Amino acid sequence: MVESAQRVSEWIKKSDLKKIILIGHSKGGLVTMELLNKKYGVSERILKVINFSTPYQGALISKLGLKGMDDLKMGKKRRYISKEKVVNIYPKIDNRIWPRESLNLKGSENIEIKMLGHARILEEERAINVLLEKIKY
């Protein structure tokens, strides 16, 4: 996750992007949150973050020991900053992220969509409508 955030931050700087709206899904949402950290030098360029089905406190699926799941470990110390910039969209029932409480990010705008599915939320009309509304500025 840190490596991904570093790559994205370098691209943002190289492209001299400003007034950025980042959109993330699942572990990608953790990358967007990492980019809000001042150590990458791009947080002031980020207007808003919109995340879908992001496991902010980790997920039990990490216990399977699959490659790339270390960032999803439960109980891992996570410090999120600039949560007021975050719109958090998640399904009522996520078939990949347990416990369910991990989908909620206190201090952000949390929007639950009454549906089942982890990736299906990306094609759910209600979620897309929320996204379109939130990217207006």
N, C-alpha and C. Protein backbone atom coordinates (compact mmCIF):
# COMPACT_ATOMS: atom_id res chain seq x y z
N MET A 1 0.81 -1.18 0.00
CA MET A 1 0.00 0.00 0.00
C MET A 1 0.87 1.26 0.00
N VAL A 2 1.89 1.29 0.82
CA VAL A 2 2.79 2.45 0.88
C VAL A 2 3.49 2.63 -0.46
N GLU A 3 3.91 1.52 -1.06
CA GLU A 3 4.58 1.59 -2.37
C GLU A 3 3.62 2.16 -3.42
N SER A 4 2.37 1.73 -3.39
CA SER A 4 1.38 2.25 -4.34
C SER A 4 1.15 3.74 -4.12
N ALA A 5 1.04 4.15 -2.87
CA ALA A 5 0.84 5.56 -2.56
C ALA A 5 2.03 6.39 -3.03
N GLN A 6 3.23 5.86 -2.88
CA GLN A 6 4.42 6.57 -3.33
C GLN A 6 4.39 6.76 -4.85
N ARG A 7 4.03 5.71 -5.57
CA ARG A 7 3.96 5.80 -7.03
C ARG A 7 2.93 6.83 -7.48
N VAL A 8 1.75 6.80 -6.87
CA VAL A 8 0.70 7.74 -7.24
C VAL A 8 1.12 9.17 -6.91
N SER A 9 1.73 9.36 -5.75
CA SER A 9 2.15 10.72 -5.36
C SER A 9 3.21 11.26 -6.33
N GLU A 10 4.12 10.41 -6.76
CA GLU A 10 5.13 10.84 -7.74
C GLU A 10 4.47 11.24 -9.06
N TRP A 11 3.47 10.48 -9.48
CA TRP A 11 2.76 10.78 -10.71
C TRP A 11 2.00 12.11 -10.60
N ILE A 12 1.36 12.33 -9.43
CA ILE A 12 0.64 13.58 -9.20
C ILE A 12 1.60 14.77 -9.29
N LYS A 13 2.76 14.64 -8.67
CA LYS A 13 3.74 15.73 -8.69
C LYS A 13 4.29 15.95 -10.11
N LYS A 14 4.65 14.87 -10.76
CA LYS A 14 5.21 14.95 -12.12
C LYS A 14 4.22 15.59 -13.09
N SER A 15 2.95 15.26 -12.92
CA SER A 15 1.90 15.79 -13.79
C SER A 15 1.39 17.15 -13.31
N ASP A 16 1.88 17.60 -12.17
CA ASP A 16 1.49 18.87 -11.56
C ASP A 16 -0.04 18.98 -11.44
N LEU A 17 -0.65 17.91 -10.96
CA LEU A 17 -2.10 17.89 -10.79
C LEU A 17 -2.52 18.66 -9.54
N LYS A 18 -3.65 19.34 -9.63
CA LYS A 18 -4.22 20.08 -8.50
C LYS A 18 -5.72 19.83 -8.49
N LYS A 19 -6.35 20.13 -7.38
CA LYS A 19 -7.80 19.95 -7.22
C LYS A 19 -8.24 18.53 -7.58
N ILE A 20 -7.59 17.57 -6.96
CA ILE A 20 -7.77 16.16 -7.28
C ILE A 20 -8.92 15.55 -6.48
N ILE A 21 -9.70 14.72 -7.15
CA ILE A 21 -10.68 13.86 -6.48
C ILE A 21 -10.20 12.44 -6.71
N LEU A 22 -9.83 11.77 -5.63
CA LEU A 22 -9.37 10.38 -5.72
C LEU A 22 -10.54 9.44 -5.48
N ILE A 23 -10.59 8.36 -6.25
CA ILE A 23 -11.63 7.35 -6.08
C ILE A 23 -10.93 6.01 -5.88
N GLY A 24 -11.30 5.32 -4.79
CA GLY A 24 -10.68 4.04 -4.49
C GLY A 24 -11.72 2.97 -4.19
N HIS A 25 -11.33 1.74 -4.39
CA HIS A 25 -12.19 0.59 -4.05
C HIS A 25 -11.37 -0.41 -3.25
N SER A 26 -11.94 -0.88 -2.17
CA SER A 26 -11.33 -1.91 -1.33
C SER A 26 -9.94 -1.48 -0.86
N LYS A 27 -8.92 -2.26 -1.15
CA LYS A 27 -7.57 -1.91 -0.73
C LYS A 27 -7.10 -0.61 -1.39
N GLY A 28 -7.62 -0.31 -2.58
CA GLY A 28 -7.31 0.96 -3.24
C GLY A 28 -7.78 2.14 -2.41
N GLY A 29 -8.84 1.94 -1.64
CA GLY A 29 -9.30 2.98 -0.73
C GLY A 29 -8.30 3.25 0.39
N LEU A 30 -7.58 2.22 0.79
CA LEU A 30 -6.53 2.42 1.80
C LEU A 30 -5.38 3.22 1.20
N VAL A 31 -5.12 3.04 -0.09
CA VAL A 31 -4.08 3.82 -0.78
C VAL A 31 -4.50 5.29 -0.82
N THR A 32 -5.76 5.56 -1.15
CA THR A 32 -6.22 6.96 -1.18
C THR A 32 -6.08 7.60 0.19
N MET A 33 -6.36 6.85 1.24
CA MET A 33 -6.23 7.38 2.60
C MET A 33 -4.77 7.66 2.94
N GLU A 34 -3.90 6.81 2.49
CA GLU A 34 -2.46 6.99 2.71
C GLU A 34 -1.99 8.30 2.06
N LEU A 35 -2.53 8.61 0.89
CA LEU A 35 -2.13 9.82 0.16
C LEU A 35 -2.53 11.10 0.88
N LEU A 36 -3.47 11.01 1.81
CA LEU A 36 -3.85 12.18 2.61
C LEU A 36 -2.79 12.52 3.65
N ASN A 37 -1.88 11.58 3.88
CA ASN A 37 -0.79 11.78 4.83
C ASN A 37 0.20 12.79 4.24
N LYS A 38 0.59 13.76 5.01
CA LYS A 38 1.45 14.84 4.53
C LYS A 38 2.82 14.36 4.05
N LYS A 39 3.25 13.18 4.46
CA LYS A 39 4.59 12.71 4.09
C LYS A 39 4.77 12.53 2.58
N TYR A 40 3.67 12.43 1.83
CA TYR A 40 3.76 12.25 0.38
C TYR A 40 3.79 13.58 -0.36
N GLY A 41 3.46 14.66 0.32
CA GLY A 41 3.53 15.99 -0.27
C GLY A 41 2.46 16.30 -1.30
N VAL A 42 1.33 15.56 -1.27
CA VAL A 42 0.25 15.84 -2.22
C VAL A 42 -1.09 16.07 -1.52
N SER A 43 -1.16 15.97 -0.22
CA SER A 43 -2.44 16.05 0.50
C SER A 43 -3.16 17.37 0.25
N GLU A 44 -2.40 18.47 0.12
CA GLU A 44 -3.03 19.77 -0.11
C GLU A 44 -3.62 19.88 -1.51
N ARG A 45 -3.25 19.00 -2.41
CA ARG A 45 -3.79 19.00 -3.78
C ARG A 45 -5.08 18.20 -3.88
N ILE A 46 -5.38 17.42 -2.85
CA ILE A 46 -6.54 16.52 -2.87
C ILE A 46 -7.76 17.25 -2.30
N LEU A 47 -8.77 17.43 -3.14
CA LEU A 47 -10.02 18.06 -2.70
C LEU A 47 -10.90 17.08 -1.94
N LYS A 48 -10.98 15.86 -2.47
CA LYS A 48 -11.92 14.89 -1.93
C LYS A 48 -11.44 13.48 -2.24
N VAL A 49 -11.83 12.56 -1.38
CA VAL A 49 -11.59 11.14 -1.59
C VAL A 49 -12.94 10.45 -1.53
N ILE A 50 -13.22 9.62 -2.52
CA ILE A 50 -14.46 8.84 -2.54
C ILE A 50 -14.05 7.37 -2.59
N ASN A 51 -14.40 6.65 -1.54
CA ASN A 51 -14.01 5.24 -1.44
C ASN A 51 -15.22 4.33 -1.43
N PHE A 52 -15.05 3.17 -2.03
CA PHE A 52 -16.08 2.13 -2.07
C PHE A 52 -15.55 0.89 -1.36
N SER A 53 -16.36 0.31 -0.48
CA SER A 53 -16.06 -0.98 0.15
C SER A 53 -14.62 -1.07 0.68
N THR A 54 -14.21 -0.06 1.42
CA THR A 54 -12.84 -0.01 1.94
C THR A 54 -12.78 -0.54 3.37
N PRO A 55 -11.88 -1.48 3.65
CA PRO A 55 -11.75 -2.06 4.99
C PRO A 55 -10.82 -1.21 5.89
N TYR A 56 -11.34 -0.12 6.41
CA TYR A 56 -10.51 0.84 7.15
C TYR A 56 -9.83 0.24 8.39
N GLN A 57 -10.48 -0.71 9.03
CA GLN A 57 -9.87 -1.35 10.21
C GLN A 57 -9.35 -2.75 9.92
N GLY A 58 -9.23 -3.07 8.65
CA GLY A 58 -8.75 -4.40 8.27
C GLY A 58 -9.90 -5.34 7.96
N ALA A 59 -9.55 -6.56 7.63
CA ALA A 59 -10.57 -7.56 7.29
C ALA A 59 -10.07 -8.95 7.65
N LEU A 60 -10.99 -9.77 8.09
CA LEU A 60 -10.63 -11.14 8.48
C LEU A 60 -10.09 -11.95 7.31
N ILE A 61 -10.41 -11.56 6.09
CA ILE A 61 -9.92 -12.28 4.91
C ILE A 61 -8.38 -12.31 4.88
N SER A 62 -7.75 -11.37 5.57
CA SER A 62 -6.29 -11.33 5.62
C SER A 62 -5.70 -12.57 6.30
N LYS A 63 -6.50 -13.24 7.12
CA LYS A 63 -6.03 -14.44 7.82
C LYS A 63 -5.81 -15.63 6.89
N LEU A 64 -6.27 -15.51 5.65
CA LEU A 64 -6.06 -16.60 4.69
C LEU A 64 -4.61 -16.68 4.24
N GLY A 65 -3.85 -15.64 4.49
CA GLY A 65 -2.43 -15.65 4.15
C GLY A 65 -2.14 -15.47 2.67
N LEU A 66 -3.08 -14.93 1.93
CA LEU A 66 -2.87 -14.71 0.50
C LEU A 66 -1.92 -13.54 0.27
N LYS A 67 -1.24 -13.58 -0.85
CA LYS A 67 -0.30 -12.53 -1.20
C LYS A 67 -1.02 -11.18 -1.29
N GLY A 68 -0.40 -10.15 -0.73
CA GLY A 68 -0.95 -8.81 -0.80
C GLY A 68 -1.98 -8.48 0.26
N MET A 69 -2.19 -9.39 1.21
CA MET A 69 -3.21 -9.17 2.23
C MET A 69 -2.66 -8.58 3.53
N ASP A 70 -1.37 -8.37 3.62
CA ASP A 70 -0.79 -7.84 4.86
C ASP A 70 -1.39 -6.50 5.28
N ASP A 71 -1.71 -5.66 4.31
CA ASP A 71 -2.27 -4.35 4.62
C ASP A 71 -3.68 -4.43 5.20
N LEU A 72 -4.30 -5.60 5.11
CA LEU A 72 -5.66 -5.77 5.60
C LEU A 72 -5.73 -6.44 6.96
N LYS A 73 -4.59 -6.65 7.61
CA LYS A 73 -4.58 -7.33 8.90
C LYS A 73 -5.40 -6.56 9.93
N MET A 74 -6.16 -7.32 10.70
CA MET A 74 -6.97 -6.75 11.78
C MET A 74 -6.04 -6.31 12.91
N GLY A 75 -6.41 -5.25 13.60
CA GLY A 75 -5.64 -4.78 14.75
C GLY A 75 -4.41 -3.98 14.39
N LYS A 76 -4.13 -3.83 13.12
CA LYS A 76 -2.98 -3.04 12.67
C LYS A 76 -3.23 -1.58 13.01
N LYS A 77 -2.23 -0.89 13.53
CA LYS A 77 -2.37 0.52 13.86
C LYS A 77 -2.55 1.33 12.60
N ARG A 78 -3.67 2.04 12.52
CA ARG A 78 -3.96 2.89 11.37
C ARG A 78 -4.36 4.26 11.87
N ARG A 79 -3.77 5.27 11.33
CA ARG A 79 -4.11 6.64 11.70
C ARG A 79 -4.52 7.38 10.44
N TYR A 80 -5.79 7.69 10.37
CA TYR A 80 -6.30 8.37 9.19
C TYR A 80 -6.45 9.86 9.48
N ILE A 81 -5.96 10.67 8.57
CA ILE A 81 -6.09 12.12 8.73
C ILE A 81 -6.98 12.67 7.61
N SER A 82 -7.44 13.88 7.78
CA SER A 82 -8.30 14.56 6.80
C SER A 82 -9.53 13.73 6.46
N LYS A 83 -10.11 13.07 7.46
CA LYS A 83 -11.29 12.23 7.22
C LYS A 83 -12.48 13.04 6.72
N GLU A 84 -12.48 14.33 7.01
CA GLU A 84 -13.59 15.18 6.55
C GLU A 84 -13.61 15.32 5.02
N LYS A 85 -12.51 14.99 4.36
CA LYS A 85 -12.45 15.02 2.89
C LYS A 85 -13.00 13.74 2.27
N VAL A 86 -13.36 12.76 3.10
CA VAL A 86 -13.69 11.42 2.61
C VAL A 86 -15.20 11.17 2.54
N VAL A 87 -15.63 10.68 1.38
CA VAL A 87 -16.97 10.14 1.21
C VAL A 87 -16.79 8.63 1.13
N ASN A 88 -17.44 7.93 2.02
CA ASN A 88 -17.26 6.50 2.17
C ASN A 88 -18.55 5.79 1.78
N ILE A 89 -18.53 5.04 0.69
CA ILE A 89 -19.72 4.35 0.18
C ILE A 89 -19.50 2.85 0.33
N TYR A 90 -20.46 2.18 0.95
CA TYR A 90 -20.28 0.75 1.19
C TYR A 90 -21.63 0.02 1.15
N PRO A 91 -21.62 -1.28 0.84
CA PRO A 91 -22.87 -2.04 0.77
C PRO A 91 -23.35 -2.44 2.17
N LYS A 92 -24.64 -2.64 2.29
CA LYS A 92 -25.21 -3.11 3.56
C LYS A 92 -24.58 -4.45 3.95
N ILE A 93 -24.39 -5.31 2.96
CA ILE A 93 -23.76 -6.60 3.21
C ILE A 93 -22.60 -6.75 2.23
N ASP A 94 -21.39 -6.78 2.76
CA ASP A 94 -20.19 -6.95 1.95
C ASP A 94 -19.72 -8.39 2.13
N ASN A 95 -19.65 -9.12 1.05
CA ASN A 95 -19.29 -10.54 1.14
C ASN A 95 -17.79 -10.79 1.29
N ARG A 96 -16.97 -9.74 1.35
CA ARG A 96 -15.52 -9.91 1.51
C ARG A 96 -14.96 -9.24 2.76
N ILE A 97 -15.60 -8.18 3.21
CA ILE A 97 -15.07 -7.42 4.35
C ILE A 97 -15.85 -7.74 5.61
N TRP A 98 -15.19 -8.44 6.51
CA TRP A 98 -15.71 -8.73 7.84
C TRP A 98 -14.64 -8.34 8.84
N PRO A 99 -14.94 -7.80 9.96
CA PRO A 99 -16.27 -7.46 10.43
C PRO A 99 -16.83 -6.25 9.69
N ARG A 100 -18.11 -6.17 9.68
CA ARG A 100 -18.83 -5.11 8.97
C ARG A 100 -18.42 -3.72 9.44
N GLU A 101 -18.11 -3.58 10.71
CA GLU A 101 -17.73 -2.28 11.29
C GLU A 101 -16.49 -1.69 10.61
N SER A 102 -15.69 -2.52 9.99
CA SER A 102 -14.48 -2.07 9.32
C SER A 102 -14.78 -1.18 8.11
N LEU A 103 -16.01 -1.27 7.61
CA LEU A 103 -16.41 -0.47 6.45
C LEU A 103 -16.76 0.97 6.80
N ASN A 104 -16.93 1.25 8.07
CA ASN A 104 -17.33 2.58 8.51
C ASN A 104 -16.11 3.38 8.94
N LEU A 105 -16.03 4.62 8.51
CA LEU A 105 -14.91 5.48 8.89
C LEU A 105 -15.46 6.69 9.65
N LYS A 106 -15.31 6.67 10.96
CA LYS A 106 -15.78 7.78 11.79
C LYS A 106 -15.09 9.07 11.37
N GLY A 107 -15.88 10.13 11.25
CA GLY A 107 -15.34 11.42 10.85
C GLY A 107 -15.48 11.71 9.37
N SER A 108 -15.89 10.70 8.60
CA SER A 108 -16.11 10.89 7.17
C SER A 108 -17.62 10.88 6.90
N GLU A 109 -18.00 11.12 5.67
CA GLU A 109 -19.40 10.99 5.28
C GLU A 109 -19.62 9.54 4.87
N ASN A 110 -20.32 8.80 5.69
CA ASN A 110 -20.56 7.38 5.45
C ASN A 110 -21.93 7.18 4.80
N ILE A 111 -21.94 6.49 3.66
CA ILE A 111 -23.18 6.25 2.92
C ILE A 111 -23.32 4.75 2.67
N GLU A 112 -24.32 4.17 3.29
CA GLU A 112 -24.59 2.75 3.10
C GLU A 112 -25.60 2.56 1.96
N ILE A 113 -25.28 1.67 1.04
CA ILE A 113 -26.18 1.33 -0.07
C ILE A 113 -26.81 -0.02 0.25
N LYS A 114 -28.11 -0.09 0.23
CA LYS A 114 -28.79 -1.34 0.56
C LYS A 114 -28.65 -2.33 -0.59
N MET A 115 -27.61 -3.14 -0.48
CA MET A 115 -27.31 -4.14 -1.51
C MET A 115 -26.33 -5.15 -0.93
N LEU A 116 -26.10 -6.22 -1.66
CA LEU A 116 -25.15 -7.25 -1.30
C LEU A 116 -24.02 -7.25 -2.32
N GLY A 117 -22.79 -7.30 -1.85
CA GLY A 117 -21.66 -7.44 -2.76
C GLY A 117 -20.51 -6.51 -2.45
N HIS A 118 -19.32 -6.97 -2.73
CA HIS A 118 -18.11 -6.18 -2.51
C HIS A 118 -17.74 -5.41 -3.78
N ALA A 119 -17.58 -6.10 -4.88
CA ALA A 119 -17.23 -5.45 -6.14
C ALA A 119 -18.47 -4.97 -6.90
N ARG A 120 -19.60 -5.60 -6.68
CA ARG A 120 -20.83 -5.24 -7.38
C ARG A 120 -21.24 -3.80 -7.11
N ILE A 121 -20.79 -3.23 -6.00
CA ILE A 121 -21.15 -1.85 -5.68
C ILE A 121 -20.67 -0.89 -6.78
N LEU A 122 -19.62 -1.27 -7.49
CA LEU A 122 -19.07 -0.42 -8.54
C LEU A 122 -19.98 -0.32 -9.77
N GLU A 123 -20.92 -1.24 -9.89
CA GLU A 123 -21.87 -1.19 -11.00
C GLU A 123 -23.30 -0.94 -10.53
N GLU A 124 -23.45 -0.70 -9.26
CA GLU A 124 -24.78 -0.44 -8.68
C GLU A 124 -25.20 0.99 -8.99
N GLU A 125 -26.34 1.15 -9.62
CA GLU A 125 -26.81 2.48 -10.05
C GLU A 125 -26.89 3.47 -8.89
N ARG A 126 -27.39 3.04 -7.74
CA ARG A 126 -27.50 3.95 -6.59
C ARG A 126 -26.14 4.46 -6.15
N ALA A 127 -25.14 3.59 -6.16
CA ALA A 127 -23.78 3.99 -5.76
C ALA A 127 -23.17 4.93 -6.80
N ILE A 128 -23.41 4.65 -8.07
CA ILE A 128 -22.90 5.52 -9.14
C ILE A 128 -23.53 6.90 -9.04
N ASN A 129 -24.83 6.95 -8.72
CA ASN A 129 -25.50 8.24 -8.57
C ASN A 129 -24.91 9.04 -7.41
N VAL A 130 -24.58 8.37 -6.32
CA VAL A 130 -23.94 9.06 -5.20
C VAL A 130 -22.57 9.59 -5.64
N LEU A 131 -21.81 8.76 -6.34
CA LEU A 131 -20.50 9.19 -6.84
C LEU A 131 -20.63 10.44 -7.71
N LEU A 132 -21.54 10.41 -8.66
CA LEU A 132 -21.72 11.56 -9.56
C LEU A 132 -22.11 12.82 -8.80
N GLU A 133 -22.94 12.67 -7.79
CA GLU A 133 -23.34 13.82 -6.97
C GLU A 133 -22.15 14.37 -6.18
N LYS A 134 -21.32 13.49 -5.66
CA LYS A 134 -20.22 13.90 -4.80
C LYS A 134 -19.01 14.46 -5.56
N ILE A 135 -18.89 14.17 -6.86
CA ILE A 135 -17.76 14.72 -7.59
C ILE A 135 -18.03 16.13 -8.12
N LYS A 136 -19.27 16.58 -7.98
CA LYS A 136 -19.58 17.96 -8.38
C LYS A 136 -18.95 18.91 -7.38
N TYR A 137 -18.37 19.98 -7.89
CA TYR A 137 -17.86 21.03 -6.99
C TYR A 137 -17.90 22.36 -7.67
